[in-house]
Amino acid sequence: MQQSYIGYSFIFCCLFIIGLAQASIEKYQQFSSAQAYQHCVNILKFGPRVSDSPGIIQTQNYIKTQLAQYGWQVHEQRFKSSTPIGGITFTNLIAYYAPNNQAIQSDFKLANKLISCHYDSKYLPKSKKPFLGANDSAASIGIMLEMAKLLAQVSPELAKSTNFVFFDGEEAFGSRMHYKNYDHKDGLYGSSYFAKTYQADFKTQPTYLINLDLIGDSNYKVLLSKTADAKLKETAWNLYKENKKQDYSFNLSKAKLNILDDHIPLHQAGAKVLNIIGDFQKMSYWHHHEDDINNISATQLKAIGVFTLDLLHHL
């Protein structure tokens, strides 16, 4: 009798946990693919988003305006750095949930859960047509704006422990990105400045970063970075395997090679990181003017958004 009771209790607990996990996915299914896609369309209308350009300033204002509607305020991290084309002013945008103006800029404190993307576009002065960067990385901006809205609506407590970080200056101004450390680089300007600023925070509390890049095209695999926190990566992989038949329509794999992206400076500074990135080396339009809205799938935006929110829920 005692063994049966223990057995039934174990089964009940397992079913309860599975039910909670499924409930978290279901509430995030409210993610609007149409709205995320529309954000991409709107952002591309601003033209190229090269750092310190009119296009990126318009994008900054758009991001801040959208976030404010959902109860998020933005802490701006502005700095100047030398680049191969001269001194450039960069601005990271760090969104924190403060409905009804519950917090002010002077009270800003970094959360321990971060979802990030870069919002600049590649500097390509010799391009035949303007490079807009739909998949690289307007798609990620659209996903993050819709995630911020949904998180505020269905999980306000989780929203309070989360920052959405929009990095400036991910793209190199030269032909190829290189990064040795904070002071020797071309590319990763915003993320390296951010990591250097908050390095002490990473040491005093576990800080998780999920970075999104080039994830709007359903024709290519999505990769989990090789450089990653092992537990975070395994959690993401298990969530995908458990739910891909029902909820996740994209094809996820584990990257075999190291990828240089905005997660690297934060990893070096002590944060627990995971980069979720499209298989860009197979994208013929990568860093080419053909990276336009035709490459973006609204269904893919929702799948990645729901997956990322589900992963955030499990941290």
C-alpha atoms as a PDB file:
ATOM      1  CA  MET A   1       0.000   0.000   0.000  1.00  0.00           C
ATOM      2  CA  GLN A   2       2.820   2.360   0.922  1.00  0.00           C
ATOM      3  CA  GLN A   3       4.702   1.551  -2.296  1.00  0.00           C
ATOM      4  CA  SER A   4       1.571   2.182  -4.373  1.00  0.00           C
ATOM      5  CA  TYR A   5       1.035   5.526  -2.671  1.00  0.00           C
ATOM      6  CA  ILE A   6       4.623   6.551  -3.375  1.00  0.00           C
ATOM      7  CA  GLY A   7       4.299   5.379  -6.972  1.00  0.00           C
ATOM      8  CA  TYR A   8       1.087   7.314  -7.562  1.00  0.00           C
ATOM      9  CA  SER A   9       2.599  10.395  -5.917  1.00  0.00           C
ATOM     10  CA  PHE A  10       5.615  10.210  -8.206  1.00  0.00           C
ATOM     11  CA  ILE A  11       3.424   9.876 -11.298  1.00  0.00           C
ATOM     12  CA  PHE A  12       1.241  12.765 -10.140  1.00  0.00           C
ATOM     13  CA  CYS A  13       4.305  15.003  -9.609  1.00  0.00           C
ATOM     14  CA  CYS A  14       5.649  14.150 -13.052  1.00  0.00           C
ATOM     15  CA  LEU A  15       2.321  14.920 -14.705  1.00  0.00           C
ATOM     16  CA  PHE A  16       2.075  18.158 -12.728  1.00  0.00           C
ATOM     17  CA  ILE A  17       5.536  19.288 -13.871  1.00  0.00           C
ATOM     18  CA  ILE A  18       4.753  18.378 -17.481  1.00  0.00           C
ATOM     19  CA  GLY A  19       1.490  20.303 -17.193  1.00  0.00           C
ATOM     20  CA  LEU A  20       3.288  23.390 -15.911  1.00  0.00           C
ATOM     21  CA  ALA A  21       5.820  23.206 -18.741  1.00  0.00           C
ATOM     22  CA  GLN A  22       3.049  22.857 -21.320  1.00  0.00           C
ATOM     23  CA  ALA A  23       1.158  25.765 -19.719  1.00  0.00           C
ATOM     24  CA  SER A  24       4.218  28.015 -20.089  1.00  0.00           C
ATOM     25  CA  ILE A  25       4.412  27.191 -23.793  1.00  0.00           C
ATOM     26  CA  GLU A  26       0.696  27.747 -24.319  1.00  0.00           C
ATOM     27  CA  LYS A  27       0.658  31.226 -22.817  1.00  0.00           C
ATOM     28  CA  TYR A  28       3.600  32.246 -24.990  1.00  0.00           C
ATOM     29  CA  GLN A  29       1.733  31.020 -28.070  1.00  0.00           C
ATOM     30  CA  GLN A  30      -0.040  34.382 -27.928  1.00  0.00           C
ATOM     31  CA  PHE A  31       3.106  35.758 -29.587  1.00  0.00           C
ATOM     32  CA  SER A  32       1.944  37.682 -32.674  1.00  0.00           C
ATOM     33  CA  SER A  33       3.860  36.648 -35.781  1.00  0.00           C
ATOM     34  CA  ALA A  34       2.130  39.418 -37.728  1.00  0.00           C
ATOM     35  CA  GLN A  35       3.224  42.126 -35.305  1.00  0.00           C
ATOM     36  CA  ALA A  36       6.819  40.882 -35.145  1.00  0.00           C
ATOM     37  CA  TYR A  37       6.910  40.852 -38.943  1.00  0.00           C
ATOM     38  CA  GLN A  38       5.431  44.362 -39.104  1.00  0.00           C
ATOM     39  CA  HIS A  39       8.178  45.616 -36.797  1.00  0.00           C
ATOM     40  CA  CYS A  40      10.697  44.333 -39.353  1.00  0.00           C
ATOM     41  CA  VAL A  41       8.886  46.113 -42.179  1.00  0.00           C
ATOM     42  CA  ASN A  42       8.750  49.361 -40.210  1.00  0.00           C
ATOM     43  CA  ILE A  43      12.428  49.249 -39.261  1.00  0.00           C
ATOM     44  CA  LEU A  44      13.571  48.632 -42.829  1.00  0.00           C
ATOM     45  CA  LYS A  45      11.822  51.835 -43.888  1.00  0.00           C
ATOM     46  CA  PHE A  46      14.477  53.791 -41.964  1.00  0.00           C
ATOM     47  CA  GLY A  47      17.147  52.638 -44.413  1.00  0.00           C
ATOM     48  CA  PRO A  48      20.630  51.452 -43.412  1.00  0.00           C
ATOM     49  CA  ARG A  49      21.196  51.352 -39.642  1.00  0.00           C
ATOM     50  CA  VAL A  50      24.935  51.982 -39.583  1.00  0.00           C
ATOM     51  CA  SER A  51      26.115  53.108 -36.149  1.00  0.00           C
ATOM     52  CA  ASP A  52      25.954  56.872 -35.602  1.00  0.00           C
ATOM     53  CA  SER A  53      23.756  57.402 -38.684  1.00  0.00           C
ATOM     54  CA  PRO A  54      20.275  58.903 -39.162  1.00  0.00           C
ATOM     55  CA  GLY A  55      18.860  55.425 -39.790  1.00  0.00           C
ATOM     56  CA  ILE A  56      20.021  54.010 -36.482  1.00  0.00           C
ATOM     57  CA  ILE A  57      18.782  57.075 -34.574  1.00  0.00           C
ATOM     58  CA  GLN A  58      15.334  56.544 -36.093  1.00  0.00           C
ATOM     59  CA  THR A  59      15.551  52.877 -35.082  1.00  0.00           C
ATOM     60  CA  GLN A  60      16.487  53.841 -31.520  1.00  0.00           C
ATOM     61  CA  ASN A  61      13.447  56.090 -31.284  1.00  0.00           C
ATOM     62  CA  TYR A  62      11.204  53.390 -32.724  1.00  0.00           C
ATOM     63  CA  ILE A  63      12.437  50.780 -30.223  1.00  0.00           C
ATOM     64  CA  LYS A  64      11.975  53.138 -27.275  1.00  0.00           C
ATOM     65  CA  THR A  65       8.505  54.205 -28.413  1.00  0.00           C
ATOM     66  CA  GLN A  66       7.316  50.628 -28.845  1.00  0.00           C
ATOM     67  CA  LEU A  67       8.723  49.468 -25.517  1.00  0.00           C
ATOM     68  CA  ALA A  68       7.152  52.383 -23.655  1.00  0.00           C
ATOM     69  CA  GLN A  69       3.703  51.213 -24.791  1.00  0.00           C
ATOM     70  CA  TYR A  70       4.274  47.905 -23.013  1.00  0.00           C
ATOM     71  CA  GLY A  71       5.555  49.349 -19.733  1.00  0.00           C
ATOM     72  CA  TRP A  72       9.290  49.145 -20.440  1.00  0.00           C
ATOM     73  CA  GLN A  73      11.718  51.997 -19.896  1.00  0.00           C
ATOM     74  CA  VAL A  74      15.117  52.240 -21.575  1.00  0.00           C
ATOM     75  CA  HIS A  75      18.497  52.901 -20.020  1.00  0.00           C
ATOM     76  CA  GLU A  76      20.815  54.292 -22.708  1.00  0.00           C
ATOM     77  CA  GLN A  77      24.472  53.384 -22.614  1.00  0.00           C
ATOM     78  CA  ARG A  78      26.221  55.874 -24.880  1.00  0.00           C
ATOM     79  CA  PHE A  79      29.960  55.868 -25.587  1.00  0.00           C
ATOM     80  CA  LYS A  80      32.455  56.806 -28.276  1.00  0.00           C
ATOM     81  CA  SER A  81      35.040  54.491 -29.783  1.00  0.00           C
ATOM     82  CA  SER A  82      37.660  54.633 -32.507  1.00  0.00           C
ATOM     83  CA  THR A  83      36.956  52.544 -35.621  1.00  0.00           C
ATOM     84  CA  PRO A  84      38.657  52.036 -39.011  1.00  0.00           C
ATOM     85  CA  ILE A  85      36.561  54.928 -40.358  1.00  0.00           C
ATOM     86  CA  GLY A  86      37.128  57.267 -37.400  1.00  0.00           C
ATOM     87  CA  GLY A  87      35.461  58.031 -34.080  1.00  0.00           C
ATOM     88  CA  ILE A  88      31.884  56.726 -33.806  1.00  0.00           C
ATOM     89  CA  THR A  89      29.270  57.265 -31.089  1.00  0.00           C
ATOM     90  CA  PHE A  90      27.470  54.060 -30.117  1.00  0.00           C
ATOM     91  CA  THR A  91      24.329  53.615 -28.027  1.00  0.00           C
ATOM     92  CA  ASN A  92      23.248  50.396 -26.318  1.00  0.00           C
ATOM     93  CA  LEU A  93      19.590  50.277 -25.303  1.00  0.00           C
ATOM     94  CA  ILE A  94      18.791  48.339 -22.112  1.00  0.00           C
ATOM     95  CA  ALA A  95      15.068  47.864 -21.510  1.00  0.00           C
ATOM     96  CA  TYR A  96      13.737  47.220 -17.998  1.00  0.00           C
ATOM     97  CA  TYR A  97      10.165  46.617 -16.947  1.00  0.00           C
ATOM     98  CA  ALA A  98       8.764  49.539 -14.961  1.00  0.00           C
ATOM     99  CA  PRO A  99       5.006  49.890 -15.526  1.00  0.00           C
ATOM    100  CA  ASN A 100       3.426  53.166 -14.450  1.00  0.00           C
ATOM    101  CA  ASN A 101       6.922  54.707 -14.187  1.00  0.00           C
ATOM    102  CA  GLN A 102       7.749  52.663 -11.078  1.00  0.00           C
ATOM    103  CA  ALA A 103      11.463  53.206 -11.645  1.00  0.00           C
ATOM    104  CA  ILE A 104      13.589  56.034 -12.964  1.00  0.00           C
ATOM    105  CA  GLN A 105      16.854  56.023 -14.864  1.00  0.00           C
ATOM    106  CA  SER A 106      18.948  56.738 -11.759  1.00  0.00           C
ATOM    107  CA  ASP A 107      17.533  53.583 -10.117  1.00  0.00           C
ATOM    108  CA  PHE A 108      18.509  51.287 -12.993  1.00  0.00           C
ATOM    109  CA  LYS A 109      20.066  47.983 -11.939  1.00  0.00           C
ATOM    110  CA  LEU A 110      20.959  45.204 -14.339  1.00  0.00           C
ATOM    111  CA  ALA A 111      18.708  42.142 -14.170  1.00  0.00           C
ATOM    112  CA  ASN A 112      20.113  38.623 -14.059  1.00  0.00           C
ATOM    113  CA  LYS A 113      18.309  37.467 -17.220  1.00  0.00           C
ATOM    114  CA  LEU A 114      19.201  39.159 -20.504  1.00  0.00           C
ATOM    115  CA  ILE A 115      17.822  38.684 -23.996  1.00  0.00           C
ATOM    116  CA  SER A 116      19.811  40.545 -26.625  1.00  0.00           C
ATOM    117  CA  CYS A 117      20.351  41.263 -30.289  1.00  0.00           C
ATOM    118  CA  HIS A 118      22.216  43.878 -32.290  1.00  0.00           C
ATOM    119  CA  TYR A 119      20.234  46.580 -34.038  1.00  0.00           C
ATOM    120  CA  ASP A 120      22.880  48.138 -36.296  1.00  0.00           C
ATOM    121  CA  SER A 121      23.429  47.090 -39.900  1.00  0.00           C
ATOM    122  CA  LYS A 122      26.681  46.415 -41.742  1.00  0.00           C
ATOM    123  CA  TYR A 123      28.627  49.356 -43.199  1.00  0.00           C
ATOM    124  CA  LEU A 124      28.904  48.564 -46.924  1.00  0.00           C
ATOM    125  CA  PRO A 125      29.852  51.775 -48.753  1.00  0.00           C
ATOM    126  CA  LYS A 126      30.515  49.957 -52.059  1.00  0.00           C
ATOM    127  CA  SER A 127      27.186  48.127 -52.137  1.00  0.00           C
ATOM    128  CA  LYS A 128      25.208  48.649 -55.378  1.00  0.00           C
ATOM    129  CA  LYS A 129      22.037  49.128 -53.328  1.00  0.00           C
ATOM    130  CA  PRO A 130      21.551  50.159 -49.691  1.00  0.00           C
ATOM    131  CA  PHE A 131      22.156  47.298 -47.279  1.00  0.00           C
ATOM    132  CA  LEU A 132      19.108  47.102 -45.006  1.00  0.00           C
ATOM    133  CA  GLY A 133      19.856  43.959 -43.025  1.00  0.00           C
ATOM    134  CA  ALA A 134      16.404  42.379 -42.749  1.00  0.00           C
ATOM    135  CA  ASN A 135      17.638  39.106 -41.278  1.00  0.00           C
ATOM    136  CA  ASP A 136      20.800  40.753 -39.956  1.00  0.00           C
ATOM    137  CA  SER A 137      19.226  41.882 -37.702  1.00  0.00           C
ATOM    138  CA  ALA A 138      15.832  43.575 -38.053  1.00  0.00           C
ATOM    139  CA  ALA A 139      14.226  40.146 -37.569  1.00  0.00           C
ATOM    140  CA  SER A 140      15.719  39.841 -34.084  1.00  0.00           C
ATOM    141  CA  ILE A 141      14.526  43.344 -33.177  1.00  0.00           C
ATOM    142  CA  GLY A 142      10.980  42.438 -34.239  1.00  0.00           C
ATOM    143  CA  ILE A 143      11.050  39.262 -32.167  1.00  0.00           C
ATOM    144  CA  MET A 144      12.378  41.048 -29.099  1.00  0.00           C
ATOM    145  CA  LEU A 145       9.793  43.823 -29.246  1.00  0.00           C
ATOM    146  CA  GLU A 146       6.972  41.282 -29.433  1.00  0.00           C
ATOM    147  CA  MET A 147       8.536  39.221 -26.631  1.00  0.00           C
ATOM    148  CA  ALA A 148       8.721  42.321 -24.424  1.00  0.00           C
ATOM    149  CA  LYS A 149       5.040  43.043 -25.034  1.00  0.00           C
ATOM    150  CA  LEU A 150       3.950  39.467 -24.328  1.00  0.00           C
ATOM    151  CA  LEU A 151       6.137  39.070 -21.252  1.00  0.00           C
ATOM    152  CA  ALA A 152       4.609  42.210 -19.732  1.00  0.00           C
ATOM    153  CA  GLN A 153       1.116  40.865 -20.407  1.00  0.00           C
ATOM    154  CA  VAL A 154       1.392  37.248 -19.243  1.00  0.00           C
ATOM    155  CA  SER A 155       4.480  37.084 -16.974  1.00  0.00           C
ATOM    156  CA  PRO A 156       5.014  40.501 -15.335  1.00  0.00           C
ATOM    157  CA  GLU A 157       7.083  39.021 -12.490  1.00  0.00           C
ATOM    158  CA  LEU A 158       9.452  37.384 -14.971  1.00  0.00           C
ATOM    159  CA  ALA A 159       9.564  40.665 -16.886  1.00  0.00           C
ATOM    160  CA  LYS A 160      10.873  42.401 -13.743  1.00  0.00           C
ATOM    161  CA  SER A 161      13.894  40.073 -13.641  1.00  0.00           C
ATOM    162  CA  THR A 162      14.620  40.432 -17.363  1.00  0.00           C
ATOM    163  CA  ASN A 163      16.357  43.040 -19.514  1.00  0.00           C
ATOM    164  CA  PHE A 164      16.040  43.259 -23.282  1.00  0.00           C
ATOM    165  CA  VAL A 165      19.377  44.561 -24.557  1.00  0.00           C
ATOM    166  CA  PHE A 166      19.812  46.052 -28.024  1.00  0.00           C
ATOM    167  CA  PHE A 167      23.522  46.218 -28.825  1.00  0.00           C
ATOM    168  CA  ASP A 168      24.921  48.867 -31.129  1.00  0.00           C
ATOM    169  CA  GLY A 169      28.061  48.267 -33.196  1.00  0.00           C
ATOM    170  CA  GLU A 170      28.040  44.499 -33.575  1.00  0.00           C
ATOM    171  CA  GLU A 171      29.094  44.860 -37.181  1.00  0.00           C
ATOM    172  CA  ALA A 172      32.700  45.569 -38.132  1.00  0.00           C
ATOM    173  CA  PHE A 173      33.492  48.603 -40.280  1.00  0.00           C
ATOM    174  CA  GLY A 174      36.232  46.700 -42.093  1.00  0.00           C
ATOM    175  CA  SER A 175      35.589  43.707 -44.314  1.00  0.00           C
ATOM    176  CA  ARG A 176      35.953  41.200 -41.472  1.00  0.00           C
ATOM    177  CA  MET A 177      35.195  41.264 -37.777  1.00  0.00           C
ATOM    178  CA  HIS A 178      38.049  40.681 -35.367  1.00  0.00           C
ATOM    179  CA  TYR A 179      38.053  40.662 -31.593  1.00  0.00           C
ATOM    180  CA  LYS A 180      40.957  40.113 -29.214  1.00  0.00           C
ATOM    181  CA  ASN A 181      39.696  42.002 -26.173  1.00  0.00           C
ATOM    182  CA  TYR A 182      37.829  45.172 -25.213  1.00  0.00           C
ATOM    183  CA  ASP A 183      40.517  47.429 -26.648  1.00  0.00           C
ATOM    184  CA  HIS A 184      41.576  45.505 -29.769  1.00  0.00           C
ATOM    185  CA  LYS A 185      38.635  44.878 -32.051  1.00  0.00           C
ATOM    186  CA  ASP A 186      36.595  45.829 -35.082  1.00  0.00           C
ATOM    187  CA  GLY A 187      33.030  44.817 -34.337  1.00  0.00           C
ATOM    188  CA  LEU A 188      31.294  43.873 -31.063  1.00  0.00           C
ATOM    189  CA  TYR A 189      31.668  47.497 -29.929  1.00  0.00           C
ATOM    190  CA  GLY A 190      28.433  47.632 -27.968  1.00  0.00           C
ATOM    191  CA  SER A 191      28.612  44.201 -26.365  1.00  0.00           C
ATOM    192  CA  SER A 192      32.242  44.621 -25.318  1.00  0.00           C
ATOM    193  CA  TYR A 193      31.486  47.982 -23.694  1.00  0.00           C
ATOM    194  CA  PHE A 194      28.459  46.462 -21.973  1.00  0.00           C
ATOM    195  CA  ALA A 195      30.481  43.492 -20.714  1.00  0.00           C
ATOM    196  CA  LYS A 196      33.249  45.706 -19.378  1.00  0.00           C
ATOM    197  CA  THR A 197      30.708  47.927 -17.594  1.00  0.00           C
ATOM    198  CA  TYR A 198      28.841  45.087 -15.884  1.00  0.00           C
ATOM    199  CA  GLN A 199      31.663  42.608 -15.335  1.00  0.00           C
ATOM    200  CA  ALA A 200      31.424  43.076 -11.562  1.00  0.00           C
ATOM    201  CA  ASP A 201      27.690  42.287 -11.672  1.00  0.00           C
ATOM    202  CA  PHE A 202      28.377  38.998 -13.445  1.00  0.00           C
ATOM    203  CA  LYS A 203      30.705  37.994 -10.609  1.00  0.00           C
ATOM    204  CA  THR A 204      28.275  38.832  -7.782  1.00  0.00           C
ATOM    205  CA  GLN A 205      25.193  37.118  -9.268  1.00  0.00           C
ATOM    206  CA  PRO A 206      24.703  34.480 -11.980  1.00  0.00           C
ATOM    207  CA  THR A 207      23.700  36.381 -15.123  1.00  0.00           C
ATOM    208  CA  TYR A 208      22.205  34.626 -18.138  1.00  0.00           C
ATOM    209  CA  LEU A 209      22.362  35.970 -21.686  1.00  0.00           C
ATOM    210  CA  ILE A 210      20.397  34.634 -24.669  1.00  0.00           C
ATOM    211  CA  ASN A 211      21.578  36.408 -27.826  1.00  0.00           C
ATOM    212  CA  LEU A 212      19.602  36.249 -31.083  1.00  0.00           C
ATOM    213  CA  ASP A 213      21.038  36.833 -34.549  1.00  0.00           C
ATOM    214  CA  LEU A 214      20.027  36.038 -38.146  1.00  0.00           C
ATOM    215  CA  ILE A 215      17.078  33.886 -37.111  1.00  0.00           C
ATOM    216  CA  GLY A 216      14.261  35.135 -39.381  1.00  0.00           C
ATOM    217  CA  ASP A 217      14.747  32.857 -42.402  1.00  0.00           C
ATOM    218  CA  SER A 218      13.021  29.459 -42.187  1.00  0.00           C
ATOM    219  CA  ASN A 219      15.126  28.041 -45.038  1.00  0.00           C
ATOM    220  CA  TYR A 220      18.206  27.652 -42.865  1.00  0.00           C
ATOM    221  CA  LYS A 221      19.123  25.796 -39.726  1.00  0.00           C
ATOM    222  CA  VAL A 222      19.231  27.594 -36.385  1.00  0.00           C
ATOM    223  CA  LEU A 223      22.388  26.937 -34.380  1.00  0.00           C
ATOM    224  CA  LEU A 224      23.150  26.835 -30.660  1.00  0.00           C
ATOM    225  CA  SER A 225      26.619  28.324 -30.209  1.00  0.00           C
ATOM    226  CA  LYS A 226      29.612  26.161 -29.348  1.00  0.00           C
ATOM    227  CA  THR A 227      30.760  28.794 -26.849  1.00  0.00           C
ATOM    228  CA  ALA A 228      27.964  28.602 -24.290  1.00  0.00           C
ATOM    229  CA  ASP A 229      27.087  27.787 -20.709  1.00  0.00           C
ATOM    230  CA  ALA A 230      26.721  24.012 -20.735  1.00  0.00           C
ATOM    231  CA  LYS A 231      23.576  23.888 -18.575  1.00  0.00           C
ATOM    232  CA  LEU A 232      21.849  26.695 -20.489  1.00  0.00           C
ATOM    233  CA  LYS A 233      22.656  25.039 -23.800  1.00  0.00           C
ATOM    234  CA  GLU A 234      21.413  21.659 -22.640  1.00  0.00           C
ATOM    235  CA  THR A 235      18.184  23.191 -21.312  1.00  0.00           C
ATOM    236  CA  ALA A 236      17.578  24.803 -24.710  1.00  0.00           C
ATOM    237  CA  TRP A 237      18.307  21.566 -26.532  1.00  0.00           C
ATOM    238  CA  ASN A 238      15.990  19.502 -24.313  1.00  0.00           C
ATOM    239  CA  LEU A 239      13.142  22.030 -24.637  1.00  0.00           C
ATOM    240  CA  TYR A 240      13.449  21.878 -28.394  1.00  0.00           C
ATOM    241  CA  LYS A 241      13.456  18.078 -28.530  1.00  0.00           C
ATOM    242  CA  GLU A 242      10.460  17.833 -26.188  1.00  0.00           C
ATOM    243  CA  ASN A 243       8.305  20.307 -28.106  1.00  0.00           C
ATOM    244  CA  LYS A 244       9.483  20.512 -31.711  1.00  0.00           C
ATOM    245  CA  LYS A 245       6.715  18.317 -33.131  1.00  0.00           C
ATOM    246  CA  GLN A 246       3.991  20.454 -31.607  1.00  0.00           C
ATOM    247  CA  ASP A 247       5.406  23.957 -31.223  1.00  0.00           C
ATOM    248  CA  TYR A 248       8.798  24.496 -32.876  1.00  0.00           C
ATOM    249  CA  SER A 249       8.819  24.396 -36.663  1.00  0.00           C
ATOM    250  CA  PHE A 250      12.461  25.395 -37.123  1.00  0.00           C
ATOM    251  CA  ASN A 251      15.431  23.062 -37.510  1.00  0.00           C
ATOM    252  CA  LEU A 252      17.820  23.383 -34.549  1.00  0.00           C
ATOM    253  CA  SER A 253      21.394  22.065 -34.442  1.00  0.00           C
ATOM    254  CA  LYS A 254      24.480  22.505 -32.295  1.00  0.00           C
ATOM    255  CA  ALA A 255      27.238  24.554 -33.919  1.00  0.00           C
ATOM    256  CA  LYS A 256      30.473  22.655 -34.445  1.00  0.00           C
ATOM    257  CA  LEU A 257      32.674  25.734 -34.840  1.00  0.00           C
ATOM    258  CA  ASN A 258      33.125  28.839 -32.721  1.00  0.00           C
ATOM    259  CA  ILE A 259      31.110  31.848 -33.893  1.00  0.00           C
ATOM    260  CA  LEU A 260      32.217  35.396 -33.130  1.00  0.00           C
ATOM    261  CA  ASP A 261      29.140  37.309 -31.992  1.00  0.00           C
ATOM    262  CA  ASP A 262      27.868  39.541 -29.183  1.00  0.00           C
ATOM    263  CA  HIS A 263      27.847  36.699 -26.655  1.00  0.00           C
ATOM    264  CA  ILE A 264      31.654  36.394 -26.668  1.00  0.00           C
ATOM    265  CA  PRO A 265      32.569  39.535 -24.642  1.00  0.00           C
ATOM    266  CA  LEU A 266      29.933  38.648 -22.037  1.00  0.00           C
ATOM    267  CA  HIS A 267      31.179  35.066 -21.870  1.00  0.00           C
ATOM    268  CA  GLN A 268      34.696  36.343 -21.257  1.00  0.00           C
ATOM    269  CA  ALA A 269      33.360  38.663 -18.547  1.00  0.00           C
ATOM    270  CA  GLY A 270      31.742  35.776 -16.668  1.00  0.00           C
ATOM    271  CA  ALA A 271      28.106  35.719 -17.842  1.00  0.00           C
ATOM    272  CA  LYS A 272      26.366  32.429 -18.652  1.00  0.00           C
ATOM    273  CA  VAL A 273      25.700  32.802 -22.368  1.00  0.00           C
ATOM    274  CA  LEU A 274      23.984  31.157 -25.298  1.00  0.00           C
ATOM    275  CA  ASN A 275      23.956  32.463 -28.867  1.00  0.00           C
ATOM    276  CA  ILE A 276      21.021  31.387 -31.047  1.00  0.00           C
ATOM    277  CA  ILE A 277      21.969  32.155 -34.641  1.00  0.00           C
ATOM    278  CA  GLY A 278      20.943  31.213 -38.151  1.00  0.00           C
ATOM    279  CA  ASP A 279      23.396  29.246 -40.285  1.00  0.00           C
ATOM    280  CA  PHE A 280      24.624  32.468 -41.890  1.00  0.00           C
ATOM    281  CA  GLN A 281      27.575  30.954 -43.739  1.00  0.00           C
ATOM    282  CA  LYS A 282      25.075  29.225 -46.033  1.00  0.00           C
ATOM    283  CA  MET A 283      23.030  32.383 -46.630  1.00  0.00           C
ATOM    284  CA  SER A 284      24.012  33.753 -50.043  1.00  0.00           C
ATOM    285  CA  TYR A 285      22.619  37.170 -49.087  1.00  0.00           C
ATOM    286  CA  TRP A 286      24.614  37.528 -45.854  1.00  0.00           C
ATOM    287  CA  HIS A 287      26.198  41.021 -45.845  1.00  0.00           C
ATOM    288  CA  HIS A 288      24.692  41.652 -49.280  1.00  0.00           C
ATOM    289  CA  HIS A 289      21.941  44.062 -50.322  1.00  0.00           C
ATOM    290  CA  GLU A 290      19.665  41.098 -51.057  1.00  0.00           C
ATOM    291  CA  ASP A 291      19.153  40.694 -47.301  1.00  0.00           C
ATOM    292  CA  ASP A 292      15.660  42.156 -47.562  1.00  0.00           C
ATOM    293  CA  ILE A 293      12.152  41.471 -46.229  1.00  0.00           C
ATOM    294  CA  ASN A 294      11.677  38.611 -48.718  1.00  0.00           C
ATOM    295  CA  ASN A 295      13.965  36.486 -46.543  1.00  0.00           C
ATOM    296  CA  ILE A 296      11.821  36.859 -43.424  1.00  0.00           C
ATOM    297  CA  SER A 297       9.199  34.313 -42.393  1.00  0.00           C
ATOM    298  CA  ALA A 298       6.535  35.463 -39.929  1.00  0.00           C
ATOM    299  CA  THR A 299       6.078  31.843 -38.826  1.00  0.00           C
ATOM    300  CA  GLN A 300       9.793  31.601 -38.069  1.00  0.00           C
ATOM    301  CA  LEU A 301       9.684  34.801 -36.006  1.00  0.00           C
ATOM    302  CA  LYS A 302       6.957  33.342 -33.811  1.00  0.00           C
ATOM    303  CA  ALA A 303       8.666  29.955 -33.448  1.00  0.00           C
ATOM    304  CA  ILE A 304      11.921  31.565 -32.293  1.00  0.00           C
ATOM    305  CA  GLY A 305      10.063  34.003 -30.031  1.00  0.00           C
ATOM    306  CA  VAL A 306       8.043  31.276 -28.285  1.00  0.00           C
ATOM    307  CA  PHE A 307      11.144  29.070 -27.938  1.00  0.00           C
ATOM    308  CA  THR A 308      13.185  31.906 -26.413  1.00  0.00           C
ATOM    309  CA  LEU A 309      10.437  32.835 -23.955  1.00  0.00           C
ATOM    310  CA  ASP A 310      10.049  29.189 -22.980  1.00  0.00           C
ATOM    311  CA  LEU A 311      13.802  28.981 -22.382  1.00  0.00           C
ATOM    312  CA  LEU A 312      13.706  32.185 -20.348  1.00  0.00           C
ATOM    313  CA  HIS A 313      10.863  30.688 -18.279  1.00  0.00           C
ATOM    314  CA  HIS A 314      13.102  27.715 -17.387  1.00  0.00           C
ATOM    315  CA  LEU A 315      16.111  29.719 -16.169  1.00  0.00           C
END
